[in-house]
Amino acid sequence: MAKRDYYDVLGVSKTAAPDEIKKAYRKIAIQYHPDKNPDDPTAEDKFKEAAEAYEVLSNTEKRQRYDRFGHQGVNGGGGPGGMSMDDIFSQFSDIFGEGGSPFDAFFGGGGRGSRRKKGSNLRIKLKLTLEEIAHGTEKKIKVNRLVTAEGVTFKTCPTCQGTGQVRKVVNTMLGQMVSATTCSTCHGGGQVIDSRPPGVDNSGLEPREELLTIKIPAGVSDGMQLSMSGKGNMAPGGGVPGDLLILIEEIEDKVLKRDGNHVVYDLFVSFVDAALGTSMEVPTIDGKVRIKIDPGTQSGKILRLKGKGIRDLNGYGRGDQLIHVNVWTPQQLTREETEILEKLRDAPNFNPTPDASDKGFFERMKEFFNG
């Protein structure tokens, strides 16, 4: 099922200010919170959908990529989309404060349990050629990440009993108010190390080099950031792994230039070929093709090869290849070449700026060079 537009999910316009986006998300989060709607199976889906929309639109960089490339610009095909409930409740501190949810603050929580600590993200740069960008590619890379060391075992945190939070009840005139803070023993993970082998520190993590396969969709662009969920550093205490963030760097092609989803090529032809017409081979991202240069082609004309450009990231077909024709004028001539051109210039009825429809001119050119 196709994802809905994030602006529609939150009910805001594409020009909405950050405060407006935050306010809209807060309203939806309260309305569809699973603890408030235990008998509505669709509430949690709407709750997650709103959280995913806010996670993108509240981030300036991600919002810009989404506005330009749509859902592929922020998901990138690097793994399953969507957010886990742990991710959602970890983002709640930005909206509702340390408690993580309005229901934690006023109702003592709703059985959501631990806000599991998340490991740190890893960032890498990946250089791609124009051909790889045009067709998509698969890369194998080595990544050094923190993982749980072999032999490490965990147990439930004795301080928070595995919830990751320490709650405090305060009696007020309005009744009991419950506040929650992150457990200082397990740092929100809900677990602590039970045993560890020699040489492993208190985090239970150790660096390890792993070989990962990254699938790059066709149509990515320079500066775009893709992500692989769960391929970052692991968290202490068996928390949620971070993500691997992949920054795309486009290697400039020496022959073909990119213009959005179009590919641009500068073709240089002699003035004789431009006047008489010819056929020439030109490079494309799919290999060489032969094109026709019509008689009388002017410098600056743009020829178009339909569908020879780059695939659209969102699946809307392919761009074109645009061929910019440049009529080349020789800068150094032999004596014989100079004499030939002088004879042509002095020929009867020769017009140095002929109308392109003057077929007689091209016939005279052919007779001159052939005879």
Protein backbone atom coordinates (compact mmCIF):
# COMPACT_ATOMS: atom_id res chain seq x y z
CA MET A 1 0.00 0.00 0.00
CA ALA A 2 1.39 3.39 -1.03
CA LYS A 3 2.25 5.80 1.73
CA ARG A 4 0.16 8.94 2.12
CA ASP A 5 1.67 12.35 1.65
CA TYR A 6 3.24 13.42 4.97
CA TYR A 7 1.65 16.88 4.80
CA ASP A 8 -1.78 15.29 4.35
CA VAL A 9 -1.13 12.96 7.29
CA LEU A 10 -0.56 15.90 9.63
CA GLY A 11 -3.17 18.09 7.95
CA VAL A 12 -0.78 20.96 7.20
CA SER A 13 0.26 22.79 4.05
CA LYS A 14 3.63 22.40 2.37
CA THR A 15 4.58 25.87 3.58
CA ALA A 16 3.73 25.13 7.23
CA ALA A 17 6.13 26.51 9.83
CA PRO A 18 7.91 24.13 12.27
CA ASP A 19 5.70 25.22 15.18
CA GLU A 20 2.59 24.50 13.12
CA ILE A 21 3.88 21.02 12.23
CA LYS A 22 4.72 20.31 15.87
CA LYS A 23 1.27 21.47 17.02
CA ALA A 24 -0.49 19.32 14.41
CA TYR A 25 1.49 16.23 15.40
CA ARG A 26 0.84 16.76 19.10
CA LYS A 27 -2.91 16.89 18.42
CA ILE A 28 -2.88 13.68 16.34
CA ALA A 29 -0.59 11.86 18.80
CA ILE A 30 -3.01 12.54 21.65
CA GLN A 31 -6.04 11.62 19.53
CA TYR A 32 -4.70 8.25 18.33
CA HIS A 33 -2.45 7.24 21.24
CA PRO A 34 -2.85 3.43 21.61
CA ASP A 35 -3.36 3.75 25.37
CA LYS A 36 -6.35 6.00 24.76
CA ASN A 37 -7.80 3.74 22.05
CA PRO A 38 -7.36 0.16 23.31
CA ASP A 39 -10.40 -1.09 21.34
CA ASP A 40 -9.51 0.59 18.05
CA PRO A 41 -7.10 -1.55 15.99
CA THR A 42 -6.55 1.28 13.48
CA ALA A 43 -5.46 3.82 16.09
CA GLU A 44 -1.92 2.48 16.41
CA ASP A 45 -1.43 2.55 12.62
CA LYS A 46 -2.54 6.19 12.49
CA PHE A 47 -0.36 6.92 15.51
CA LYS A 48 2.70 5.44 13.76
CA GLU A 49 1.87 7.15 10.48
CA ALA A 50 1.75 10.56 12.17
CA ALA A 51 5.00 9.89 14.02
CA GLU A 52 6.77 8.96 10.78
CA ALA A 53 5.48 12.11 9.08
CA TYR A 54 6.62 14.30 11.97
CA GLU A 55 10.03 12.62 12.10
CA VAL A 56 10.65 13.76 8.50
CA LEU A 57 8.91 17.15 8.41
CA SER A 58 10.42 18.32 11.71
CA ASN A 59 13.93 17.78 10.34
CA THR A 60 14.99 20.56 7.95
CA GLU A 61 17.34 18.37 5.88
CA LYS A 62 14.92 15.44 5.62
CA ARG A 63 12.04 17.79 4.78
CA GLN A 64 14.01 19.30 1.90
CA ARG A 65 14.80 15.84 0.52
CA TYR A 66 11.16 14.78 0.90
CA ASP A 67 9.92 17.92 -0.89
CA ARG A 68 12.27 17.18 -3.78
CA PHE A 69 12.24 13.39 -4.07
CA GLY A 70 9.18 12.21 -2.15
CA HIS A 71 9.23 9.12 0.09
CA GLN A 72 12.24 7.60 -1.71
CA GLY A 73 14.29 10.63 -0.75
CA VAL A 74 13.99 9.84 2.97
CA ASN A 75 13.60 6.04 2.93
CA GLY A 76 15.93 5.38 0.01
CA GLY A 77 15.10 1.70 -0.33
CA GLY A 78 17.75 0.94 2.26
CA GLY A 79 15.52 -1.26 4.37
CA PRO A 80 11.99 -1.59 5.61
CA GLY A 81 10.18 1.68 6.01
CA GLY A 82 8.24 2.93 8.99
CA MET A 83 9.18 3.47 12.63
CA SER A 84 9.11 1.14 15.60
CA MET A 85 7.17 2.05 18.74
CA ASP A 86 10.52 2.45 20.50
CA ASP A 87 11.56 5.06 17.96
CA ILE A 88 8.25 6.87 18.34
CA PHE A 89 8.33 7.09 22.13
CA SER A 90 11.99 8.12 22.06
CA GLN A 91 11.01 11.14 19.94
CA PHE A 92 8.21 12.11 22.37
CA SER A 93 10.57 14.02 24.64
CA ASP A 94 10.68 16.68 21.92
CA ILE A 95 6.92 17.02 22.04
CA PHE A 96 5.81 16.27 25.59
CA GLY A 97 8.97 16.58 27.65
CA GLU A 98 10.99 14.03 29.61
CA GLY A 99 7.97 11.88 30.45
CA GLY A 100 7.66 10.96 26.79
CA SER A 101 3.86 11.08 26.64
CA PRO A 102 0.96 13.10 28.06
CA PHE A 103 -0.42 9.81 29.37
CA ASP A 104 2.74 9.21 31.41
CA ALA A 105 2.38 12.62 33.05
CA PHE A 106 -1.32 12.49 33.92
CA PHE A 107 -2.25 8.83 34.11
CA GLY A 108 0.99 7.21 35.28
CA GLY A 109 1.68 5.62 31.90
CA GLY A 110 -0.27 3.05 29.98
CA GLY A 111 1.89 -0.02 30.13
CA ARG A 112 4.20 1.13 27.33
CA GLY A 113 7.17 -0.04 29.34
CA SER A 114 10.77 0.78 28.56
CA ARG A 115 11.89 3.49 26.20
CA ARG A 116 14.84 1.43 25.08
CA LYS A 117 18.09 3.23 24.55
CA LYS A 118 19.15 3.51 20.93
CA GLY A 119 22.68 3.06 19.68
CA SER A 120 24.46 5.82 17.81
CA ASN A 121 24.18 6.19 14.04
CA LEU A 122 27.10 5.61 11.69
CA ARG A 123 27.75 7.81 8.66
CA ILE A 124 29.66 6.92 5.52
CA LYS A 125 30.23 8.51 2.12
CA LEU A 126 29.62 6.46 -1.01
CA LYS A 127 30.97 7.59 -4.38
CA LEU A 128 28.97 6.58 -7.47
CA THR A 129 29.55 7.00 -11.19
CA LEU A 130 26.89 8.49 -13.45
CA GLU A 131 26.21 5.04 -14.91
CA GLU A 132 25.67 3.56 -11.42
CA ILE A 133 23.32 6.40 -10.53
CA ALA A 134 21.41 6.01 -13.78
CA HIS A 135 20.72 2.28 -13.44
CA GLY A 136 21.03 1.65 -9.70
CA THR A 137 23.72 -0.57 -8.25
CA GLU A 138 24.71 -2.85 -5.40
CA LYS A 139 27.80 -2.14 -3.33
CA LYS A 140 29.62 -4.20 -0.74
CA ILE A 141 31.31 -2.09 1.93
CA LYS A 142 33.17 -2.74 5.17
CA VAL A 143 31.82 -0.96 8.24
CA ASN A 144 33.35 -0.79 11.71
CA ARG A 145 30.49 -0.84 14.23
CA LEU A 146 30.02 -1.51 17.93
CA VAL A 147 28.30 -4.83 18.60
CA THR A 148 27.53 -6.84 21.73
CA ALA A 149 30.61 -8.86 22.59
CA GLU A 150 30.43 -12.63 22.62
CA GLY A 151 29.90 -14.04 26.11
CA VAL A 152 28.07 -10.98 27.42
CA THR A 153 24.79 -11.75 29.20
CA PHE A 154 22.16 -9.35 30.52
CA LYS A 155 19.65 -9.26 33.35
CA THR A 156 16.68 -7.07 34.19
CA CYS A 157 17.67 -3.78 35.76
CA PRO A 158 16.98 -4.04 39.51
CA THR A 159 16.37 -0.29 39.85
CA CYS A 160 13.58 0.14 37.27
CA GLN A 161 12.52 -3.52 36.98
CA GLY A 162 13.11 -3.45 33.24
CA THR A 163 10.96 -0.41 32.43
CA GLY A 164 13.88 1.91 31.74
CA GLN A 165 12.20 4.62 33.82
CA VAL A 166 11.94 5.56 37.45
CA ARG A 167 8.52 6.95 38.39
CA LYS A 168 7.76 9.34 41.20
CA VAL A 169 4.25 9.90 42.61
CA VAL A 170 3.39 13.31 44.05
CA ASN A 171 0.12 14.02 45.88
CA THR A 172 -1.49 17.31 44.87
CA MET A 173 -4.85 19.00 45.36
CA LEU A 174 -5.89 17.58 41.99
CA GLY A 175 -4.88 14.06 42.90
CA GLN A 176 -1.80 12.02 42.27
CA MET A 177 0.64 13.24 39.62
CA VAL A 178 3.19 10.82 38.22
CA SER A 179 6.49 11.93 36.74
CA ALA A 180 8.99 9.64 35.03
CA THR A 181 12.72 10.01 34.48
CA THR A 182 15.23 7.81 32.69
CA CYS A 183 16.72 5.18 34.95
CA SER A 184 20.24 6.17 35.95
CA THR A 185 21.33 2.56 36.38
CA CYS A 186 20.51 1.16 32.94
CA HIS A 187 20.22 4.55 31.19
CA GLY A 188 16.81 3.63 29.81
CA GLY A 189 17.75 0.24 28.40
CA GLY A 190 15.90 -1.80 31.00
CA GLN A 191 18.78 -4.26 31.24
CA VAL A 192 22.22 -4.33 32.80
CA ILE A 193 25.18 -6.64 32.22
CA ASP A 194 25.05 -9.82 34.25
CA SER A 195 28.41 -11.21 33.15
CA ARG A 196 31.11 -10.29 30.65
CA PRO A 197 34.38 -11.85 29.50
CA PRO A 198 37.74 -10.27 30.34
CA GLY A 199 38.65 -7.25 28.23
CA VAL A 200 35.05 -6.13 27.65
CA ASP A 201 34.08 -2.83 29.29
CA ASN A 202 30.89 -1.99 31.17
CA SER A 203 28.98 -1.25 27.97
CA GLY A 204 29.31 -4.86 26.82
CA LEU A 205 30.22 -3.64 23.33
CA GLU A 206 33.27 -4.19 21.16
CA PRO A 207 34.23 -2.90 17.68
CA ARG A 208 33.81 -5.32 14.82
CA GLU A 209 34.30 -5.00 11.05
CA GLU A 210 31.30 -6.20 9.05
CA LEU A 211 30.75 -6.57 5.32
CA LEU A 212 27.41 -5.04 4.30
CA THR A 213 25.59 -5.09 0.97
CA ILE A 214 23.98 -1.77 0.06
CA LYS A 215 21.38 -1.59 -2.70
CA ILE A 216 21.32 1.86 -4.30
CA PRO A 217 18.13 2.68 -6.24
CA ALA A 218 18.39 4.33 -9.66
CA GLY A 219 18.03 8.10 -9.69
CA VAL A 220 19.80 9.13 -6.48
CA SER A 221 21.65 12.44 -6.55
CA ASP A 222 24.72 14.06 -5.08
CA GLY A 223 24.18 15.01 -1.43
CA MET A 224 21.26 12.63 -0.88
CA GLN A 225 21.34 10.61 2.33
CA LEU A 226 20.05 7.04 2.45
CA SER A 227 19.69 4.95 5.59
CA MET A 228 19.91 1.29 6.56
CA SER A 229 17.86 0.69 9.69
CA GLY A 230 19.61 -1.14 12.52
CA LYS A 231 23.05 -1.21 10.85
CA GLY A 232 24.63 1.41 13.11
CA ASN A 233 26.20 0.88 16.53
CA MET A 234 24.40 -1.35 19.00
CA ALA A 235 23.25 0.16 22.28
CA PRO A 236 24.53 -0.85 25.71
CA GLY A 237 22.21 -3.16 27.58
CA GLY A 238 20.65 -4.72 24.50
CA GLY A 239 18.94 -1.56 23.28
CA VAL A 240 17.88 -0.66 19.76
CA PRO A 241 20.75 -0.52 17.20
CA GLY A 242 21.38 2.79 15.48
CA ASP A 243 21.18 3.30 11.73
CA LEU A 244 23.78 3.45 8.97
CA LEU A 245 23.48 6.76 7.11
CA ILE A 246 24.88 6.77 3.57
CA LEU A 247 25.78 10.10 1.96
CA ILE A 248 25.84 9.91 -1.85
CA GLU A 249 28.71 11.57 -3.72
CA GLU A 250 28.41 11.73 -7.50
CA ILE A 251 31.63 11.30 -9.47
CA GLU A 252 31.61 13.85 -12.27
CA ASP A 253 31.62 12.20 -15.69
CA LYS A 254 34.16 13.58 -18.16
CA VAL A 255 31.82 13.27 -21.15
CA LEU A 256 28.19 13.26 -20.02
CA LYS A 257 26.78 15.88 -17.67
CA ARG A 258 23.70 15.51 -15.50
CA ASP A 259 20.84 18.01 -15.44
CA GLY A 260 18.19 16.62 -13.08
CA ASN A 261 17.02 13.41 -14.75
CA HIS A 262 18.36 14.55 -18.13
CA VAL A 263 21.85 13.85 -19.48
CA VAL A 264 23.64 16.53 -21.50
CA TYR A 265 26.28 15.92 -24.17
CA ASP A 266 28.22 18.55 -26.16
CA LEU A 267 28.61 17.44 -29.77
CA PHE A 268 31.15 19.22 -31.98
CA VAL A 269 30.70 19.02 -35.76
CA SER A 270 32.60 20.69 -38.58
CA PHE A 271 30.84 23.45 -40.50
CA VAL A 272 30.99 21.24 -43.61
CA ASP A 273 29.12 18.40 -41.85
CA ALA A 274 26.67 20.90 -40.38
CA ALA A 275 26.01 22.32 -43.84
CA LEU A 276 25.81 19.05 -45.79
CA GLY A 277 24.46 16.78 -43.06
CA THR A 278 25.96 13.55 -41.78
CA SER A 279 25.53 10.77 -39.22
CA MET A 280 27.65 10.43 -36.09
CA GLU A 281 28.08 8.16 -33.09
CA VAL A 282 27.46 9.71 -29.67
CA PRO A 283 27.90 8.18 -26.19
CA THR A 284 24.93 7.59 -23.86
CA ILE A 285 24.62 5.97 -20.42
CA ASP A 286 23.38 2.84 -22.28
CA GLY A 287 26.24 2.75 -24.80
CA LYS A 288 26.93 4.41 -28.15
CA VAL A 289 24.14 5.27 -30.60
CA ARG A 290 24.21 6.74 -34.10
CA ILE A 291 22.31 9.96 -34.75
CA LYS A 292 21.54 11.93 -37.89
CA ILE A 293 22.71 15.52 -38.41
CA ASP A 294 20.35 17.20 -40.86
CA PRO A 295 21.75 19.48 -43.60
CA GLY A 296 21.81 23.07 -42.43
CA THR A 297 22.04 22.28 -38.73
CA GLN A 298 22.87 25.45 -36.83
CA SER A 299 25.25 25.79 -33.90
CA GLY A 300 23.27 25.82 -30.66
CA LYS A 301 20.59 23.40 -31.84
CA ILE A 302 19.56 20.81 -29.25
CA LEU A 303 18.80 17.25 -30.32
CA ARG A 304 16.81 15.03 -27.97
CA LEU A 305 17.11 11.27 -27.42
CA LYS A 306 13.92 10.26 -25.62
CA GLY A 307 14.30 7.95 -22.63
CA LYS A 308 18.11 7.98 -22.68
CA GLY A 309 18.42 9.87 -19.41
CA ILE A 310 18.33 8.83 -15.74
CA ARG A 311 15.53 6.86 -14.12
CA ASP A 312 13.32 8.90 -11.82
CA LEU A 313 13.81 8.03 -8.15
CA ASN A 314 10.04 7.82 -7.61
CA GLY A 315 9.46 5.60 -10.64
CA TYR A 316 8.17 8.22 -13.08
CA GLY A 317 10.03 6.96 -16.16
CA ARG A 318 13.37 8.22 -17.45
CA GLY A 319 14.73 11.55 -18.51
CA ASP A 320 16.15 12.30 -21.97
CA GLN A 321 19.61 12.88 -23.38
CA LEU A 322 20.05 16.39 -24.73
CA ILE A 323 22.70 16.83 -27.41
CA HIS A 324 23.97 20.39 -27.77
CA VAL A 325 25.31 20.87 -31.30
CA ASN A 326 28.39 23.07 -31.56
CA VAL A 327 29.62 23.91 -35.06
CA TRP A 328 33.39 23.84 -34.86
CA THR A 329 35.41 26.42 -36.77
CA PRO A 330 39.03 25.42 -37.41
CA GLN A 331 41.61 27.83 -35.99
CA GLN A 332 44.57 26.70 -38.08
CA LEU A 333 44.32 25.97 -41.80
CA THR A 334 46.81 24.62 -44.32
CA ARG A 335 47.55 26.65 -47.41
CA GLU A 336 45.44 24.27 -49.50
CA GLU A 337 42.49 24.53 -47.10
CA THR A 338 42.74 28.32 -47.10
CA GLU A 339 42.70 28.42 -50.92
CA ILE A 340 39.63 26.14 -51.05
CA LEU A 341 37.69 28.31 -48.61
CA GLU A 342 38.69 31.51 -50.42
CA LYS A 343 37.45 30.04 -53.71
CA LEU A 344 34.19 29.09 -52.04
CA ARG A 345 33.77 32.60 -50.61
CA ASP A 346 34.40 34.13 -54.06
CA ALA A 347 32.12 31.70 -55.89
CA PRO A 348 29.22 33.32 -57.84
CA ASN A 349 25.97 33.73 -55.85
CA PHE A 350 27.61 32.43 -52.68
CA ASN A 351 25.79 33.81 -49.66
CA PRO A 352 27.85 33.70 -46.43
CA THR A 353 24.63 33.79 -44.35
CA PRO A 354 22.19 31.75 -46.41
CA ASP A 355 18.62 31.02 -45.48
CA ALA A 356 18.38 27.48 -44.15
CA SER A 357 15.66 26.81 -46.72
CA ASP A 358 17.94 27.71 -49.64
CA LYS A 359 18.48 24.25 -51.13
CA GLY A 360 20.45 25.76 -53.99
CA PHE A 361 23.18 26.75 -51.55
CA PHE A 362 23.68 23.20 -50.31
CA GLU A 363 23.68 21.86 -53.87
CA ARG A 364 26.42 24.34 -54.79
CA MET A 365 28.38 23.26 -51.70
CA LYS A 366 28.22 19.62 -52.79
CA GLU A 367 29.26 20.45 -56.35
CA PHE A 368 32.15 22.55 -55.07
CA PHE A 369 33.58 19.91 -52.72
CA ASN A 370 32.87 17.00 -55.08
CA GLY A 371 34.11 18.61 -58.23
